[in-house]
C-alpha atoms as a PDB file:
ATOM      1  CA  MET A   1       0.000   0.000   0.000  1.00  0.00           C
ATOM      2  CA  ARG A   2       0.925   3.632  -0.421  1.00  0.00           C
ATOM      3  CA  LEU A   3       1.337   4.863   3.149  1.00  0.00           C
ATOM      4  CA  ALA A   4       2.374   7.747   5.325  1.00  0.00           C
ATOM      5  CA  PHE A   5       3.704   6.882   8.768  1.00  0.00           C
ATOM      6  CA  MET A   6       3.123   9.311  11.645  1.00  0.00           C
ATOM      7  CA  GLY A   7       4.937   8.722  14.937  1.00  0.00           C
ATOM      8  CA  THR A   8       7.535  10.163  17.274  1.00  0.00           C
ATOM      9  CA  PRO A   9       8.872   8.034  20.193  1.00  0.00           C
ATOM     10  CA  GLU A  10      10.507   4.607  20.459  1.00  0.00           C
ATOM     11  CA  PHE A  11       7.048   3.047  20.782  1.00  0.00           C
ATOM     12  CA  ALA A  12       6.452   3.774  17.086  1.00  0.00           C
ATOM     13  CA  VAL A  13       9.774   2.394  15.802  1.00  0.00           C
ATOM     14  CA  PRO A  14       8.857  -1.331  15.527  1.00  0.00           C
ATOM     15  CA  ALA A  15       5.772  -0.470  13.440  1.00  0.00           C
ATOM     16  CA  LEU A  16       7.746   1.676  11.010  1.00  0.00           C
ATOM     17  CA  ARG A  17      10.363  -1.034  10.611  1.00  0.00           C
ATOM     18  CA  ALA A  18       7.712  -3.745  10.172  1.00  0.00           C
ATOM     19  CA  LEU A  19       5.781  -1.824   7.502  1.00  0.00           C
ATOM     20  CA  HIS A  20       8.998  -1.052   5.647  1.00  0.00           C
ATOM     21  CA  ALA A  21      10.021  -4.728   5.799  1.00  0.00           C
ATOM     22  CA  ALA A  22       6.588  -5.704   4.445  1.00  0.00           C
ATOM     23  CA  ASP A  23       7.365  -3.689   1.292  1.00  0.00           C
ATOM     24  CA  HIS A  24       4.684  -1.060   1.738  1.00  0.00           C
ATOM     25  CA  ASP A  25       5.419   2.141  -0.161  1.00  0.00           C
ATOM     26  CA  ILE A  26       6.037   4.579   2.691  1.00  0.00           C
ATOM     27  CA  VAL A  27       6.091   7.864   0.791  1.00  0.00           C
ATOM     28  CA  ALA A  28       6.421  10.135   3.834  1.00  0.00           C
ATOM     29  CA  VAL A  29       7.206   9.829   7.525  1.00  0.00           C
ATOM     30  CA  TYR A  30       5.792  12.491   9.835  1.00  0.00           C
ATOM     31  CA  SER A  31       7.339  13.132  13.237  1.00  0.00           C
ATOM     32  CA  GLN A  32       7.384  15.911  15.780  1.00  0.00           C
ATOM     33  CA  PRO A  33      10.206  18.423  15.249  1.00  0.00           C
ATOM     34  CA  PRO A  34      13.584  17.889  16.964  1.00  0.00           C
ATOM     35  CA  ARG A  35      13.572  18.879  20.639  1.00  0.00           C
ATOM     36  CA  ARG A  36      16.345  20.236  22.805  1.00  0.00           C
ATOM     37  CA  ALA A  37      17.629  17.504  25.100  1.00  0.00           C
ATOM     38  CA  GLY A  38      20.573  16.620  27.307  1.00  0.00           C
ATOM     39  CA  ARG A  39      22.812  18.906  29.335  1.00  0.00           C
ATOM     40  CA  GLY A  40      23.850  20.850  26.248  1.00  0.00           C
ATOM     41  CA  LYS A  41      20.214  21.321  25.174  1.00  0.00           C
ATOM     42  CA  LYS A  42      21.167  20.216  21.682  1.00  0.00           C
ATOM     43  CA  LEU A  43      18.393  19.821  19.103  1.00  0.00           C
ATOM     44  CA  THR A  44      17.770  16.078  18.952  1.00  0.00           C
ATOM     45  CA  PRO A  45      15.704  14.296  16.267  1.00  0.00           C
ATOM     46  CA  SER A  46      12.982  11.939  17.443  1.00  0.00           C
ATOM     47  CA  PRO A  47      13.582   8.173  17.351  1.00  0.00           C
ATOM     48  CA  ILE A  48      11.239   7.916  14.349  1.00  0.00           C
ATOM     49  CA  GLN A  49      13.098  10.631  12.465  1.00  0.00           C
ATOM     50  CA  GLU A  50      16.381   8.793  13.059  1.00  0.00           C
ATOM     51  CA  VAL A  51      14.990   5.454  11.855  1.00  0.00           C
ATOM     52  CA  ALA A  52      13.319   7.018   8.820  1.00  0.00           C
ATOM     53  CA  LYS A  53      16.659   8.563   7.854  1.00  0.00           C
ATOM     54  CA  GLU A  54      18.348   5.163   8.293  1.00  0.00           C
ATOM     55  CA  LEU A  55      15.755   3.553   6.005  1.00  0.00           C
ATOM     56  CA  GLY A  56      16.096   6.275   3.384  1.00  0.00           C
ATOM     57  CA  LEU A  57      12.538   7.567   3.848  1.00  0.00           C
ATOM     58  CA  THR A  58      11.342  11.135   3.358  1.00  0.00           C
ATOM     59  CA  VAL A  59      10.724  12.854   6.705  1.00  0.00           C
ATOM     60  CA  ARG A  60       8.442  15.773   7.452  1.00  0.00           C
ATOM     61  CA  VAL A  61       8.474  17.523  10.841  1.00  0.00           C
ATOM     62  CA  PRO A  62       5.710  20.165  10.787  1.00  0.00           C
ATOM     63  CA  VAL A  63       5.012  22.077  13.988  1.00  0.00           C
ATOM     64  CA  SER A  64       1.297  21.769  13.235  1.00  0.00           C
ATOM     65  CA  LEU A  65      -1.034  20.206  10.688  1.00  0.00           C
ATOM     66  CA  LYS A  66      -3.729  22.825  11.141  1.00  0.00           C
ATOM     67  CA  ASN A  67      -2.592  25.156   8.352  1.00  0.00           C
ATOM     68  CA  GLU A  68      -3.776  24.836   4.762  1.00  0.00           C
ATOM     69  CA  GLU A  69      -0.301  24.342   3.305  1.00  0.00           C
ATOM     70  CA  ALA A  70       0.465  21.343   5.527  1.00  0.00           C
ATOM     71  CA  GLN A  71      -2.934  19.829   4.757  1.00  0.00           C
ATOM     72  CA  ALA A  72      -2.502  20.336   1.000  1.00  0.00           C
ATOM     73  CA  ASP A  73       0.960  18.730   1.149  1.00  0.00           C
ATOM     74  CA  PHE A  74      -0.526  15.738   2.965  1.00  0.00           C
ATOM     75  CA  ALA A  75      -3.437  15.369   0.529  1.00  0.00           C
ATOM     76  CA  ALA A  76      -1.034  15.512  -2.424  1.00  0.00           C
ATOM     77  CA  LEU A  77       0.599  12.276  -1.209  1.00  0.00           C
ATOM     78  CA  ASP A  78      -2.454  10.377  -2.564  1.00  0.00           C
ATOM     79  CA  LEU A  79      -2.323   7.782   0.223  1.00  0.00           C
ATOM     80  CA  ASP A  80      -4.102   4.499   0.658  1.00  0.00           C
ATOM     81  CA  ALA A  81      -3.744   4.960   4.430  1.00  0.00           C
ATOM     82  CA  ALA A  82      -1.818   6.790   7.134  1.00  0.00           C
ATOM     83  CA  VAL A  83      -0.513   4.737  10.048  1.00  0.00           C
ATOM     84  CA  VAL A  84      -0.316   6.657  13.325  1.00  0.00           C
ATOM     85  CA  ALA A  85       1.596   5.550  16.440  1.00  0.00           C
ATOM     86  CA  ALA A  86       2.078   8.029  19.299  1.00  0.00           C
ATOM     87  CA  TYR A  87       2.555  10.923  16.889  1.00  0.00           C
ATOM     88  CA  GLY A  88       1.649  13.596  19.424  1.00  0.00           C
ATOM     89  CA  LEU A  89       0.015  16.163  17.114  1.00  0.00           C
ATOM     90  CA  ILE A  90      -3.718  16.664  16.610  1.00  0.00           C
ATOM     91  CA  LEU A  91      -4.908  15.497  13.192  1.00  0.00           C
ATOM     92  CA  PRO A  92      -7.573  17.839  11.748  1.00  0.00           C
ATOM     93  CA  GLN A  93     -10.527  16.327   9.937  1.00  0.00           C
ATOM     94  CA  THR A  94      -9.029  17.190   6.547  1.00  0.00           C
ATOM     95  CA  ILE A  95      -5.988  15.055   7.420  1.00  0.00           C
ATOM     96  CA  LEU A  96      -8.150  12.207   8.736  1.00  0.00           C
ATOM     97  CA  ASP A  97     -10.196  12.214   5.527  1.00  0.00           C
ATOM     98  CA  ALA A  98      -7.360  12.509   2.998  1.00  0.00           C
ATOM     99  CA  PRO A  99      -6.188   8.852   2.676  1.00  0.00           C
ATOM    100  CA  LYS A 100      -8.527   6.426   0.908  1.00  0.00           C
ATOM    101  CA  MET A 101      -8.698   4.209   4.034  1.00  0.00           C
ATOM    102  CA  GLY A 102      -8.326   7.097   6.451  1.00  0.00           C
ATOM    103  CA  CYS A 103      -5.866   7.193   9.345  1.00  0.00           C
ATOM    104  CA  LEU A 104      -5.245   4.020  11.353  1.00  0.00           C
ATOM    105  CA  ASN A 105      -3.963   4.263  14.914  1.00  0.00           C
ATOM    106  CA  ILE A 106      -1.881   1.828  16.989  1.00  0.00           C
ATOM    107  CA  HIS A 107      -3.228   2.487  20.487  1.00  0.00           C
ATOM    108  CA  GLY A 108      -1.651   1.023  23.635  1.00  0.00           C
ATOM    109  CA  SER A 109      -4.743  -0.215  25.446  1.00  0.00           C
ATOM    110  CA  LEU A 110      -7.802  -2.401  25.036  1.00  0.00           C
ATOM    111  CA  LEU A 111     -10.235   0.288  23.988  1.00  0.00           C
ATOM    112  CA  PRO A 112     -12.527   1.732  25.153  1.00  0.00           C
ATOM    113  CA  ARG A 113     -10.539   1.373  28.373  1.00  0.00           C
ATOM    114  CA  TRP A 114      -7.793   3.977  28.677  1.00  0.00           C
ATOM    115  CA  ARG A 115      -8.371   6.423  25.890  1.00  0.00           C
ATOM    116  CA  GLY A 116      -5.829   9.227  25.954  1.00  0.00           C
ATOM    117  CA  ALA A 117      -2.161  10.037  26.368  1.00  0.00           C
ATOM    118  CA  ALA A 118      -0.849   7.590  28.983  1.00  0.00           C
ATOM    119  CA  PRO A 119      -2.706   4.266  28.693  1.00  0.00           C
ATOM    120  CA  VAL A 120       0.211   2.073  29.783  1.00  0.00           C
ATOM    121  CA  GLN A 121       0.936   3.977  32.988  1.00  0.00           C
ATOM    122  CA  ARG A 122      -2.746   4.337  33.887  1.00  0.00           C
ATOM    123  CA  ALA A 123      -3.376   0.619  33.416  1.00  0.00           C
ATOM    124  CA  ILE A 124      -0.549  -0.232  35.831  1.00  0.00           C
ATOM    125  CA  LEU A 125      -1.612   2.416  38.359  1.00  0.00           C
ATOM    126  CA  ALA A 126      -5.163   1.070  38.309  1.00  0.00           C
ATOM    127  CA  GLY A 127      -3.977  -2.472  38.998  1.00  0.00           C
ATOM    128  CA  ASP A 128      -5.348  -3.860  35.719  1.00  0.00           C
ATOM    129  CA  ASP A 129      -4.310  -7.459  35.115  1.00  0.00           C
ATOM    130  CA  LYS A 130      -4.414  -7.187  31.306  1.00  0.00           C
ATOM    131  CA  THR A 131      -3.864  -4.585  28.637  1.00  0.00           C
ATOM    132  CA  GLY A 132      -3.056  -4.735  24.943  1.00  0.00           C
ATOM    133  CA  ILE A 133      -3.105  -3.035  21.570  1.00  0.00           C
ATOM    134  CA  THR A 134      -6.091  -1.807  19.594  1.00  0.00           C
ATOM    135  CA  ILE A 135      -5.857  -0.983  15.905  1.00  0.00           C
ATOM    136  CA  MET A 136      -8.518   1.651  15.353  1.00  0.00           C
ATOM    137  CA  GLN A 137      -9.917   3.909  12.662  1.00  0.00           C
ATOM    138  CA  MET A 138      -9.219   7.461  13.737  1.00  0.00           C
ATOM    139  CA  GLU A 139     -11.938  10.085  13.972  1.00  0.00           C
ATOM    140  CA  ALA A 140     -12.195  13.552  15.482  1.00  0.00           C
ATOM    141  CA  GLY A 141     -12.815  12.305  19.053  1.00  0.00           C
ATOM    142  CA  LEU A 142      -9.987  11.260  21.392  1.00  0.00           C
ATOM    143  CA  ASP A 143      -9.444   7.547  20.653  1.00  0.00           C
ATOM    144  CA  THR A 144     -13.170   7.092  20.008  1.00  0.00           C
ATOM    145  CA  GLY A 145     -13.038   5.547  16.535  1.00  0.00           C
ATOM    146  CA  PRO A 146     -14.131   2.065  15.428  1.00  0.00           C
ATOM    147  CA  MET A 147     -11.889  -0.811  16.544  1.00  0.00           C
ATOM    148  CA  LEU A 148     -10.433  -3.031  13.823  1.00  0.00           C
ATOM    149  CA  LEU A 149      -8.174  -5.501  15.619  1.00  0.00           C
ATOM    150  CA  LYS A 150      -7.044  -6.248  19.198  1.00  0.00           C
ATOM    151  CA  SER A 151      -4.435  -8.282  21.020  1.00  0.00           C
ATOM    152  CA  ARG A 152      -4.131  -8.802  24.796  1.00  0.00           C
ATOM    153  CA  THR A 153      -1.199  -9.311  27.124  1.00  0.00           C
ATOM    154  CA  GLU A 154      -0.766  -9.867  30.872  1.00  0.00           C
ATOM    155  CA  ILE A 155       0.585  -6.919  32.865  1.00  0.00           C
ATOM    156  CA  GLY A 156       1.952  -8.962  35.788  1.00  0.00           C
ATOM    157  CA  THR A 157       4.926  -7.222  37.391  1.00  0.00           C
ATOM    158  CA  LYS A 158       6.086  -5.393  34.261  1.00  0.00           C
ATOM    159  CA  THR A 159       7.231  -1.794  34.462  1.00  0.00           C
ATOM    160  CA  ALA A 160       5.782   0.832  32.160  1.00  0.00           C
ATOM    161  CA  GLY A 161       8.979   0.703  30.128  1.00  0.00           C
ATOM    162  CA  GLU A 162       8.881  -3.066  29.739  1.00  0.00           C
ATOM    163  CA  LEU A 163       5.182  -3.070  28.913  1.00  0.00           C
ATOM    164  CA  THR A 164       5.549  -0.258  26.378  1.00  0.00           C
ATOM    165  CA  ASP A 165       8.325  -2.166  24.596  1.00  0.00           C
ATOM    166  CA  GLU A 166       6.170  -5.298  24.471  1.00  0.00           C
ATOM    167  CA  LEU A 167       3.123  -3.423  23.206  1.00  0.00           C
ATOM    168  CA  ALA A 168       5.188  -1.712  20.525  1.00  0.00           C
ATOM    169  CA  LEU A 169       6.087  -5.115  19.053  1.00  0.00           C
ATOM    170  CA  ILE A 170       2.494  -6.334  19.311  1.00  0.00           C
ATOM    171  CA  GLY A 171       1.274  -3.167  17.601  1.00  0.00           C
ATOM    172  CA  ALA A 172       3.760  -3.583  14.759  1.00  0.00           C
ATOM    173  CA  ASP A 173       2.576  -7.162  14.167  1.00  0.00           C
ATOM    174  CA  LEU A 174      -1.115  -6.241  14.354  1.00  0.00           C
ATOM    175  CA  MET A 175      -0.861  -3.314  11.956  1.00  0.00           C
ATOM    176  CA  THR A 176       1.115  -5.393   9.466  1.00  0.00           C
ATOM    177  CA  GLN A 177      -1.488  -8.151   9.783  1.00  0.00           C
ATOM    178  CA  TYR A 178      -4.370  -5.738   9.243  1.00  0.00           C
ATOM    179  CA  LEU A 179      -2.872  -4.013   6.214  1.00  0.00           C
ATOM    180  CA  ALA A 180      -2.142  -7.371   4.570  1.00  0.00           C
ATOM    181  CA  SER A 181      -5.876  -8.008   4.253  1.00  0.00           C
ATOM    182  CA  PRO A 182      -8.176  -5.231   5.561  1.00  0.00           C
ATOM    183  CA  ALA A 183     -11.284  -6.853   4.110  1.00  0.00           C
ATOM    184  CA  ASP A 184     -10.915  -9.734   6.577  1.00  0.00           C
ATOM    185  CA  TYR A 185     -11.744  -7.503   9.557  1.00  0.00           C
ATOM    186  CA  ARG A 186     -15.003  -5.907  10.593  1.00  0.00           C
ATOM    187  CA  ALA A 187     -15.012  -2.604  12.485  1.00  0.00           C
ATOM    188  CA  GLU A 188     -16.502  -2.655  15.995  1.00  0.00           C
ATOM    189  CA  ILE A 189     -18.013   0.505  17.455  1.00  0.00           C
ATOM    190  CA  GLN A 190     -16.741   1.411  20.923  1.00  0.00           C
ATOM    191  CA  ASP A 191     -19.086   1.396  23.910  1.00  0.00           C
ATOM    192  CA  ASP A 192     -18.669   4.940  25.207  1.00  0.00           C
ATOM    193  CA  THR A 193     -20.363   4.065  28.497  1.00  0.00           C
ATOM    194  CA  THR A 194     -17.397   1.892  29.536  1.00  0.00           C
ATOM    195  CA  ALA A 195     -14.677   4.324  28.425  1.00  0.00           C
ATOM    196  CA  CYS A 196     -12.130   5.817  30.799  1.00  0.00           C
ATOM    197  CA  TYR A 197      -9.405   8.354  30.172  1.00  0.00           C
ATOM    198  CA  ALA A 198      -5.655   8.056  30.582  1.00  0.00           C
ATOM    199  CA  ASP A 199      -4.661  11.617  31.377  1.00  0.00           C
ATOM    200  CA  LYS A 200      -1.124  12.726  30.572  1.00  0.00           C
ATOM    201  CA  ILE A 201       1.396  11.857  33.286  1.00  0.00           C
ATOM    202  CA  THR A 202       2.735  14.819  35.279  1.00  0.00           C
ATOM    203  CA  LYS A 203       5.974  14.876  37.269  1.00  0.00           C
ATOM    204  CA  HIS A 204       4.297  15.726  40.568  1.00  0.00           C
ATOM    205  CA  GLU A 205       2.244  12.507  40.325  1.00  0.00           C
ATOM    206  CA  ALA A 206       5.445  10.503  40.634  1.00  0.00           C
ATOM    207  CA  ARG A 207       5.893  11.450  44.304  1.00  0.00           C
ATOM    208  CA  LEU A 208       5.367   8.400  46.505  1.00  0.00           C
ATOM    209  CA  ASN A 209       2.503   8.648  48.987  1.00  0.00           C
ATOM    210  CA  PHE A 210       3.475   6.281  51.780  1.00  0.00           C
ATOM    211  CA  GLU A 211      -0.044   6.482  53.221  1.00  0.00           C
ATOM    212  CA  GLN A 212      -1.048   4.071  50.451  1.00  0.00           C
ATOM    213  CA  PRO A 213      -0.767   0.290  50.864  1.00  0.00           C
ATOM    214  CA  ALA A 214       2.514  -1.310  49.854  1.00  0.00           C
ATOM    215  CA  THR A 215       0.798  -3.064  46.927  1.00  0.00           C
ATOM    216  CA  ALA A 216      -0.365   0.278  45.527  1.00  0.00           C
ATOM    217  CA  LEU A 217       3.107   1.784  45.948  1.00  0.00           C
ATOM    218  CA  LEU A 218       4.636  -1.087  43.994  1.00  0.00           C
ATOM    219  CA  GLN A 219       2.171  -0.347  41.159  1.00  0.00           C
ATOM    220  CA  HIS A 220       3.147   3.320  41.405  1.00  0.00           C
ATOM    221  CA  ILE A 221       6.857   2.495  41.155  1.00  0.00           C
ATOM    222  CA  ARG A 222       6.313   0.246  38.128  1.00  0.00           C
ATOM    223  CA  ALA A 223       4.048   2.790  36.419  1.00  0.00           C
ATOM    224  CA  PHE A 224       6.666   5.550  36.644  1.00  0.00           C
ATOM    225  CA  ASN A 225       9.625   3.386  35.597  1.00  0.00           C
ATOM    226  CA  PRO A 226      11.583   4.535  33.657  1.00  0.00           C
ATOM    227  CA  MET A 227      10.172   8.057  33.534  1.00  0.00           C
ATOM    228  CA  PRO A 228       9.654  10.276  35.402  1.00  0.00           C
ATOM    229  CA  GLY A 229      10.625   7.887  38.232  1.00  0.00           C
ATOM    230  CA  ALA A 230       8.707   7.405  41.493  1.00  0.00           C
ATOM    231  CA  PHE A 231      10.422   9.432  44.222  1.00  0.00           C
ATOM    232  CA  PHE A 232      10.572  10.580  47.808  1.00  0.00           C
ATOM    233  CA  GLU A 233      12.548  13.441  49.351  1.00  0.00           C
ATOM    234  CA  TYR A 234      14.957  13.373  52.272  1.00  0.00           C
ATOM    235  CA  ASP A 235      17.160  16.142  53.640  1.00  0.00           C
ATOM    236  CA  GLY A 236      16.560  18.338  50.592  1.00  0.00           C
ATOM    237  CA  ASP A 237      17.435  15.656  48.040  1.00  0.00           C
ATOM    238  CA  ARG A 238      15.195  13.638  45.755  1.00  0.00           C
ATOM    239  CA  TYR A 239      15.508   9.859  45.603  1.00  0.00           C
ATOM    240  CA  ARG A 240      13.943   7.759  42.863  1.00  0.00           C
ATOM    241  CA  ILE A 241      12.951   4.168  43.546  1.00  0.00           C
ATOM    242  CA  HIS A 242      13.119   2.244  40.269  1.00  0.00           C
ATOM    243  CA  THR A 243      12.233  -1.203  41.611  1.00  0.00           C
ATOM    244  CA  ALA A 244      11.170  -2.462  45.022  1.00  0.00           C
ATOM    245  CA  GLN A 245       9.593  -5.379  46.828  1.00  0.00           C
ATOM    246  CA  ILE A 246       6.920  -5.717  49.502  1.00  0.00           C
ATOM    247  CA  ASN A 247       8.053  -6.344  53.066  1.00  0.00           C
ATOM    248  CA  ALA A 248       5.926  -7.689  55.918  1.00  0.00           C
ATOM    249  CA  ALA A 249       7.040  -5.021  58.416  1.00  0.00           C
ATOM    250  CA  ASN A 250       4.597  -2.411  59.722  1.00  0.00           C
ATOM    251  CA  GLY A 251       4.909   1.043  61.206  1.00  0.00           C
ATOM    252  CA  LYS A 252       3.860   4.658  60.813  1.00  0.00           C
ATOM    253  CA  ALA A 253       3.489   5.394  57.107  1.00  0.00           C
ATOM    254  CA  GLY A 254       6.664   6.862  55.606  1.00  0.00           C
ATOM    255  CA  THR A 255       8.927   5.815  58.482  1.00  0.00           C
ATOM    256  CA  VAL A 256      12.301   4.159  57.848  1.00  0.00           C
ATOM    257  CA  LEU A 257      12.089   0.935  59.861  1.00  0.00           C
ATOM    258  CA  SER A 258      15.554  -0.556  59.381  1.00  0.00           C
ATOM    259  CA  ASP A 259      19.140   0.105  58.396  1.00  0.00           C
ATOM    260  CA  ASP A 260      18.468  -1.535  55.031  1.00  0.00           C
ATOM    261  CA  LEU A 261      15.790   1.044  54.170  1.00  0.00           C
ATOM    262  CA  ILE A 262      12.554  -0.804  54.777  1.00  0.00           C
ATOM    263  CA  ILE A 263       9.899   1.923  54.561  1.00  0.00           C
ATOM    264  CA  ALA A 264       6.513   1.618  56.250  1.00  0.00           C
ATOM    265  CA  CYS A 265       3.389   2.166  54.142  1.00  0.00           C
ATOM    266  CA  GLY A 266      -0.278   2.558  54.970  1.00  0.00           C
ATOM    267  CA  ASP A 267      -0.431  -1.241  54.974  1.00  0.00           C
ATOM    268  CA  GLY A 268       2.803  -3.216  54.985  1.00  0.00           C
ATOM    269  CA  ALA A 269       6.140  -1.865  53.834  1.00  0.00           C
ATOM    270  CA  ILE A 270       8.427  -1.686  50.814  1.00  0.00           C
ATOM    271  CA  LYS A 271      12.150  -2.215  50.391  1.00  0.00           C
ATOM    272  CA  PRO A 272      13.887  -0.648  47.368  1.00  0.00           C
ATOM    273  CA  ASP A 273      15.960  -2.820  45.049  1.00  0.00           C
ATOM    274  CA  ILE A 274      17.249  -0.090  42.709  1.00  0.00           C
ATOM    275  CA  ILE A 275      17.495   3.481  43.976  1.00  0.00           C
ATOM    276  CA  GLN A 276      18.886   6.732  42.590  1.00  0.00           C
ATOM    277  CA  LYS A 277      19.798   9.953  44.338  1.00  0.00           C
ATOM    278  CA  ALA A 278      19.257  13.066  42.223  1.00  0.00           C
ATOM    279  CA  GLY A 279      22.332  13.767  40.101  1.00  0.00           C
ATOM    280  CA  LYS A 280      23.744  10.286  40.707  1.00  0.00           C
ATOM    281  CA  PRO A 281      23.513   7.038  38.706  1.00  0.00           C
ATOM    282  CA  LYS A 282      21.083   4.256  39.553  1.00  0.00           C
ATOM    283  CA  MET A 283      22.477   1.681  41.977  1.00  0.00           C
ATOM    284  CA  THR A 284      21.504  -1.400  43.901  1.00  0.00           C
ATOM    285  CA  LEU A 285      20.326  -0.881  47.451  1.00  0.00           C
ATOM    286  CA  GLU A 286      23.471  -2.604  48.720  1.00  0.00           C
ATOM    287  CA  ASP A 287      25.733  -0.190  46.847  1.00  0.00           C
ATOM    288  CA  PHE A 288      23.603   2.766  47.922  1.00  0.00           C
ATOM    289  CA  LEU A 289      23.841   1.797  51.595  1.00  0.00           C
ATOM    290  CA  ASN A 290      27.617   1.504  51.354  1.00  0.00           C
ATOM    291  CA  GLY A 291      27.800   5.239  50.717  1.00  0.00           C
ATOM    292  CA  ALA A 292      24.693   6.662  52.374  1.00  0.00           C
ATOM    293  CA  LYS A 293      22.401   6.007  55.286  1.00  0.00           C
ATOM    294  CA  ILE A 294      18.907   7.222  56.030  1.00  0.00           C
ATOM    295  CA  PRO A 295      18.526   6.804  59.815  1.00  0.00           C
ATOM    296  CA  ILE A 296      15.919   4.525  61.363  1.00  0.00           C
ATOM    297  CA  GLY A 297      12.926   6.580  62.449  1.00  0.00           C
ATOM    298  CA  THR A 298      13.233   9.126  59.628  1.00  0.00           C
ATOM    299  CA  LEU A 299       9.829  10.144  58.257  1.00  0.00           C
ATOM    300  CA  LEU A 300      10.082  10.349  54.460  1.00  0.00           C
ATOM    301  CA  GLN A 301       7.981  12.620  52.277  1.00  0.00           C
END
């Protein structure tokens, strides 16, 4: 098929590679413009822009698709379909309508559950046991379009990073499968009454609330791994907990209960496995304790 691919982060990379390997004619790749990143604030292309360049594909990085020139340029591509995966820009109706088959989205949840920007993190935070990928026909509403194909996976103890990587591969396979024979699949209308929304993750949400049960805090830690990182503060410094385990100890919520940093929660306790002080590299708890101590009885915030 004659396609445009629209994506920005690593999540979209497997789909672009899979569609290219399947010999689709990818006439344009759309990605968000390079952003300033790193200590030097150097303009850095998105992962999709880098891969498109590697594959020899034409890349477009418009700031917006709302202007007439950008929409005319898109329509002139004469597409069979546009494949969208975490692109990050709003697609106006003229863009949605331009390809013969419209715009097809790889969405990281089992719609209509978790429409919106952060479906992977919200599924983990909510304690869902399953999530998956939905291939959907895009329309003007936020992830409200007809569903074309789904695949499920267990969440288990996966972090958001691990789950995102897994879903990216599933999404690549599903989209390739769908485009190989679209007539084999029947669109299913979403039940809006069961929909819920995955609001964008904010940094302040990553703060650990030790009043919660230990099980909820473990979900919180997994949901914010790798970014922005679940954290607490002590003595003016921020500490991220990247992985942890539940401990049977009990005490006042937020209190350090032992020399090996068992921290009391609203119910039970947690013990970090991998921890990171702000400005320092990640390290095992053992290595951390060799160079730093948080005294027993300290109340963490």
